[in-house]
Amino acid sequence: MEEEKSSLNFEVCFVDYLQLICEREGEIDWFKELALLLEIPIILGSQMKRTVLDNPDKVPQQKDFHDAEEINACADTIIMLHHERFYDDSAPKDELKVIVSRDRGEAVNRETVLRFDWERAILMKEEKESLPR
């Protein structure tokens, strides 16, 4: 197995999106096992349910994931993105909230606002410190 791992020339794996790949209960666990086996992080993109529309300011919460129970049981870190402009045309176009609701299995509920520089096509962190939610 070490030979196969060394032949892989990548340090991270992105899967977009989870609901197209996992059709049966328990399949999300497979990604965690694979990450441990390959010793790389695997980042899974997941769809949110429409219940996010009922949240204050439409900010996503862990309960809004499709397969929320399985994701919460398996994920070491849960990061959600919120672009207010999607719901409100008067919101700043260049703002993106990055919400870390869990890290290393512990609830942290921190958010950071990133700014998108449209000229250079890059995300930049705000100068202020992350805010607890």
C-alpha atoms as a PDB file:
ATOM      1  CA  MET A   1       0.000   0.000   0.000  1.00  0.00           C
ATOM      2  CA  GLU A   2       2.890   2.404   0.707  1.00  0.00           C
ATOM      3  CA  GLU A   3       3.951   2.132  -2.939  1.00  0.00           C
ATOM      4  CA  GLU A   4       0.454   3.049  -4.145  1.00  0.00           C
ATOM      5  CA  LYS A   5       0.312   6.009  -1.737  1.00  0.00           C
ATOM      6  CA  SER A   6       3.677   7.319  -2.903  1.00  0.00           C
ATOM      7  CA  SER A   7       2.614   7.020  -6.551  1.00  0.00           C
ATOM      8  CA  LEU A   8      -0.270   9.417  -5.894  1.00  0.00           C
ATOM      9  CA  ASN A   9       0.971  12.888  -6.583  1.00  0.00           C
ATOM     10  CA  PHE A  10      -1.518  15.011  -4.644  1.00  0.00           C
ATOM     11  CA  GLU A  11      -1.857  16.363  -1.144  1.00  0.00           C
ATOM     12  CA  VAL A  12      -5.593  17.006  -0.942  1.00  0.00           C
ATOM     13  CA  CYS A  13      -8.774  15.701  -2.585  1.00  0.00           C
ATOM     14  CA  PHE A  14     -11.877  17.807  -3.343  1.00  0.00           C
ATOM     15  CA  VAL A  15     -15.250  16.138  -3.928  1.00  0.00           C
ATOM     16  CA  ASP A  16     -18.057  18.243  -5.375  1.00  0.00           C
ATOM     17  CA  TYR A  17     -20.672  17.416  -4.548  1.00  0.00           C
ATOM     18  CA  LEU A  18     -21.383  14.736  -1.983  1.00  0.00           C
ATOM     19  CA  GLN A  19     -25.028  14.004  -2.860  1.00  0.00           C
ATOM     20  CA  LEU A  20     -24.093  12.973  -6.412  1.00  0.00           C
ATOM     21  CA  ILE A  21     -21.635  10.384  -5.109  1.00  0.00           C
ATOM     22  CA  CYS A  22     -23.234   9.023  -1.948  1.00  0.00           C
ATOM     23  CA  GLU A  23     -26.608   7.447  -2.469  1.00  0.00           C
ATOM     24  CA  ARG A  24     -26.823   5.173   0.566  1.00  0.00           C
ATOM     25  CA  GLU A  25     -26.445   5.719   4.286  1.00  0.00           C
ATOM     26  CA  GLY A  26     -22.951   5.095   5.598  1.00  0.00           C
ATOM     27  CA  GLU A  27     -21.099   6.043   2.420  1.00  0.00           C
ATOM     28  CA  ILE A  28     -19.781   9.288   3.904  1.00  0.00           C
ATOM     29  CA  ASP A  29     -17.776   7.222   6.404  1.00  0.00           C
ATOM     30  CA  TRP A  30     -15.884   5.755   3.468  1.00  0.00           C
ATOM     31  CA  PHE A  31     -14.302   9.147   2.720  1.00  0.00           C
ATOM     32  CA  LYS A  32     -12.981   9.438   6.269  1.00  0.00           C
ATOM     33  CA  GLU A  33     -11.472   5.958   6.020  1.00  0.00           C
ATOM     34  CA  LEU A  34      -9.920   6.854   2.660  1.00  0.00           C
ATOM     35  CA  ALA A  35      -8.459  10.093   4.059  1.00  0.00           C
ATOM     36  CA  LEU A  36      -6.860   8.195   6.922  1.00  0.00           C
ATOM     37  CA  LEU A  37      -5.556   5.506   4.581  1.00  0.00           C
ATOM     38  CA  LEU A  38      -4.047   7.976   2.078  1.00  0.00           C
ATOM     39  CA  GLU A  39      -3.026  10.417   4.830  1.00  0.00           C
ATOM     40  CA  ILE A  40      -4.503  13.411   2.998  1.00  0.00           C
ATOM     41  CA  PRO A  41      -7.427  15.711   3.752  1.00  0.00           C
ATOM     42  CA  ILE A  42     -10.565  15.072   1.725  1.00  0.00           C
ATOM     43  CA  ILE A  43     -12.827  18.092   1.365  1.00  0.00           C
ATOM     44  CA  LEU A  44     -16.455  17.270   0.601  1.00  0.00           C
ATOM     45  CA  GLY A  45     -18.841  19.822  -0.866  1.00  0.00           C
ATOM     46  CA  SER A  46     -22.401  19.276   0.326  1.00  0.00           C
ATOM     47  CA  GLN A  47     -25.744  20.661  -0.701  1.00  0.00           C
ATOM     48  CA  MET A  48     -27.855  22.581   1.807  1.00  0.00           C
ATOM     49  CA  LYS A  49     -31.573  22.022   2.314  1.00  0.00           C
ATOM     50  CA  ARG A  50     -34.069  24.796   1.697  1.00  0.00           C
ATOM     51  CA  THR A  51     -34.477  25.092   5.485  1.00  0.00           C
ATOM     52  CA  VAL A  52     -31.557  27.550   5.325  1.00  0.00           C
ATOM     53  CA  LEU A  53     -34.121  30.068   4.032  1.00  0.00           C
ATOM     54  CA  ASP A  54     -35.858  29.939   7.437  1.00  0.00           C
ATOM     55  CA  ASN A  55     -32.678  30.810   9.395  1.00  0.00           C
ATOM     56  CA  PRO A  56     -31.991  34.330  10.676  1.00  0.00           C
ATOM     57  CA  ASP A  57     -30.353  36.256   7.798  1.00  0.00           C
ATOM     58  CA  LYS A  58     -30.399  32.943   5.876  1.00  0.00           C
ATOM     59  CA  VAL A  59     -27.022  32.027   7.380  1.00  0.00           C
ATOM     60  CA  PRO A  60     -26.391  28.258   7.079  1.00  0.00           C
ATOM     61  CA  GLN A  61     -26.230  25.979  10.110  1.00  0.00           C
ATOM     62  CA  GLN A  62     -25.081  22.364  10.421  1.00  0.00           C
ATOM     63  CA  LYS A  63     -28.683  21.141  10.568  1.00  0.00           C
ATOM     64  CA  ASP A  64     -29.251  22.513   7.043  1.00  0.00           C
ATOM     65  CA  PHE A  65     -26.988  19.980   5.292  1.00  0.00           C
ATOM     66  CA  HIS A  66     -28.529  17.157   3.336  1.00  0.00           C
ATOM     67  CA  ASP A  67     -27.284  14.096   5.263  1.00  0.00           C
ATOM     68  CA  ALA A  68     -26.635  16.359   8.282  1.00  0.00           C
ATOM     69  CA  GLU A  69     -26.497  13.545  10.846  1.00  0.00           C
ATOM     70  CA  GLU A  70     -23.920  11.571   8.871  1.00  0.00           C
ATOM     71  CA  ILE A  71     -21.833  14.646   8.092  1.00  0.00           C
ATOM     72  CA  ASN A  72     -21.860  15.731  11.727  1.00  0.00           C
ATOM     73  CA  ALA A  73     -20.864  12.230  12.823  1.00  0.00           C
ATOM     74  CA  CYS A  74     -17.921  11.948  10.400  1.00  0.00           C
ATOM     75  CA  ALA A  75     -16.519  15.408   9.746  1.00  0.00           C
ATOM     76  CA  ASP A  76     -13.519  16.672  11.688  1.00  0.00           C
ATOM     77  CA  THR A  77     -14.097  20.206  10.448  1.00  0.00           C
ATOM     78  CA  ILE A  78     -17.272  21.827   9.118  1.00  0.00           C
ATOM     79  CA  ILE A  79     -16.959  25.034   7.140  1.00  0.00           C
ATOM     80  CA  MET A  80     -19.917  26.799   5.548  1.00  0.00           C
ATOM     81  CA  LEU A  81     -19.860  29.669   3.073  1.00  0.00           C
ATOM     82  CA  HIS A  82     -22.505  32.400   3.019  1.00  0.00           C
ATOM     83  CA  HIS A  83     -22.786  35.002   0.280  1.00  0.00           C
ATOM     84  CA  GLU A  84     -25.510  37.397   1.408  1.00  0.00           C
ATOM     85  CA  ARG A  85     -25.748  38.884  -2.077  1.00  0.00           C
ATOM     86  CA  PHE A  86     -27.367  35.605  -3.197  1.00  0.00           C
ATOM     87  CA  TYR A  87     -30.422  36.509  -1.078  1.00  0.00           C
ATOM     88  CA  ASP A  88     -30.257  40.328  -1.076  1.00  0.00           C
ATOM     89  CA  ASP A  89     -29.298  42.375  -4.157  1.00  0.00           C
ATOM     90  CA  SER A  90     -28.371  45.363  -1.970  1.00  0.00           C
ATOM     91  CA  ALA A  91     -25.756  43.356   0.012  1.00  0.00           C
ATOM     92  CA  PRO A  92     -22.071  43.934  -0.772  1.00  0.00           C
ATOM     93  CA  LYS A  93     -21.053  41.973  -3.867  1.00  0.00           C
ATOM     94  CA  ASP A  94     -17.510  41.395  -2.639  1.00  0.00           C
ATOM     95  CA  GLU A  95     -18.310  39.896   0.811  1.00  0.00           C
ATOM     96  CA  LEU A  96     -18.167  36.189   1.627  1.00  0.00           C
ATOM     97  CA  LYS A  97     -18.701  34.835   5.151  1.00  0.00           C
ATOM     98  CA  VAL A  98     -16.644  31.778   6.054  1.00  0.00           C
ATOM     99  CA  ILE A  99     -18.273  30.049   9.025  1.00  0.00           C
ATOM    100  CA  VAL A 100     -16.326  27.383  10.893  1.00  0.00           C
ATOM    101  CA  SER A 101     -18.903  25.616  13.024  1.00  0.00           C
ATOM    102  CA  ARG A 102     -16.674  22.750  14.102  1.00  0.00           C
ATOM    103  CA  ASP A 103     -12.946  22.065  14.088  1.00  0.00           C
ATOM    104  CA  ARG A 104     -11.265  18.847  15.194  1.00  0.00           C
ATOM    105  CA  GLY A 105     -14.654  17.644  16.393  1.00  0.00           C
ATOM    106  CA  GLU A 106     -15.157  20.603  18.768  1.00  0.00           C
ATOM    107  CA  ALA A 107     -17.826  23.287  18.290  1.00  0.00           C
ATOM    108  CA  VAL A 108     -16.162  26.629  17.583  1.00  0.00           C
ATOM    109  CA  ASN A 109     -18.791  28.742  15.774  1.00  0.00           C
ATOM    110  CA  ARG A 110     -16.410  31.367  14.359  1.00  0.00           C
ATOM    111  CA  GLU A 111     -16.861  33.405  11.244  1.00  0.00           C
ATOM    112  CA  THR A 112     -14.574  35.479   9.090  1.00  0.00           C
ATOM    113  CA  VAL A 113     -15.554  37.848   6.331  1.00  0.00           C
ATOM    114  CA  LEU A 114     -13.485  37.624   3.168  1.00  0.00           C
ATOM    115  CA  ARG A 115     -13.478  40.224   0.404  1.00  0.00           C
ATOM    116  CA  PHE A 116     -13.327  39.259  -3.235  1.00  0.00           C
ATOM    117  CA  ASP A 117     -11.051  41.474  -5.324  1.00  0.00           C
ATOM    118  CA  TRP A 118     -12.766  41.381  -8.725  1.00  0.00           C
ATOM    119  CA  GLU A 119      -9.787  42.897 -10.566  1.00  0.00           C
ATOM    120  CA  ARG A 120      -7.290  40.283  -9.359  1.00  0.00           C
ATOM    121  CA  ALA A 121      -9.856  37.457  -8.849  1.00  0.00           C
ATOM    122  CA  ILE A 122      -8.646  36.612  -5.313  1.00  0.00           C
ATOM    123  CA  LEU A 123     -10.179  36.385  -1.847  1.00  0.00           C
ATOM    124  CA  MET A 124      -8.658  38.587   0.859  1.00  0.00           C
ATOM    125  CA  LYS A 125      -9.155  38.367   4.607  1.00  0.00           C
ATOM    126  CA  GLU A 126     -10.608  41.322   6.462  1.00  0.00           C
ATOM    127  CA  GLU A 127      -8.179  43.220   8.667  1.00  0.00           C
ATOM    128  CA  LYS A 128     -10.399  42.667  11.719  1.00  0.00           C
ATOM    129  CA  GLU A 129     -10.310  39.481  13.804  1.00  0.00           C
ATOM    130  CA  SER A 130     -12.805  36.667  13.316  1.00  0.00           C
ATOM    131  CA  LEU A 131     -16.034  37.077  15.246  1.00  0.00           C
ATOM    132  CA  PRO A 132     -17.726  34.413  17.362  1.00  0.00           C
ATOM    133  CA  ARG A 133     -21.327  33.756  16.334  1.00  0.00           C
END
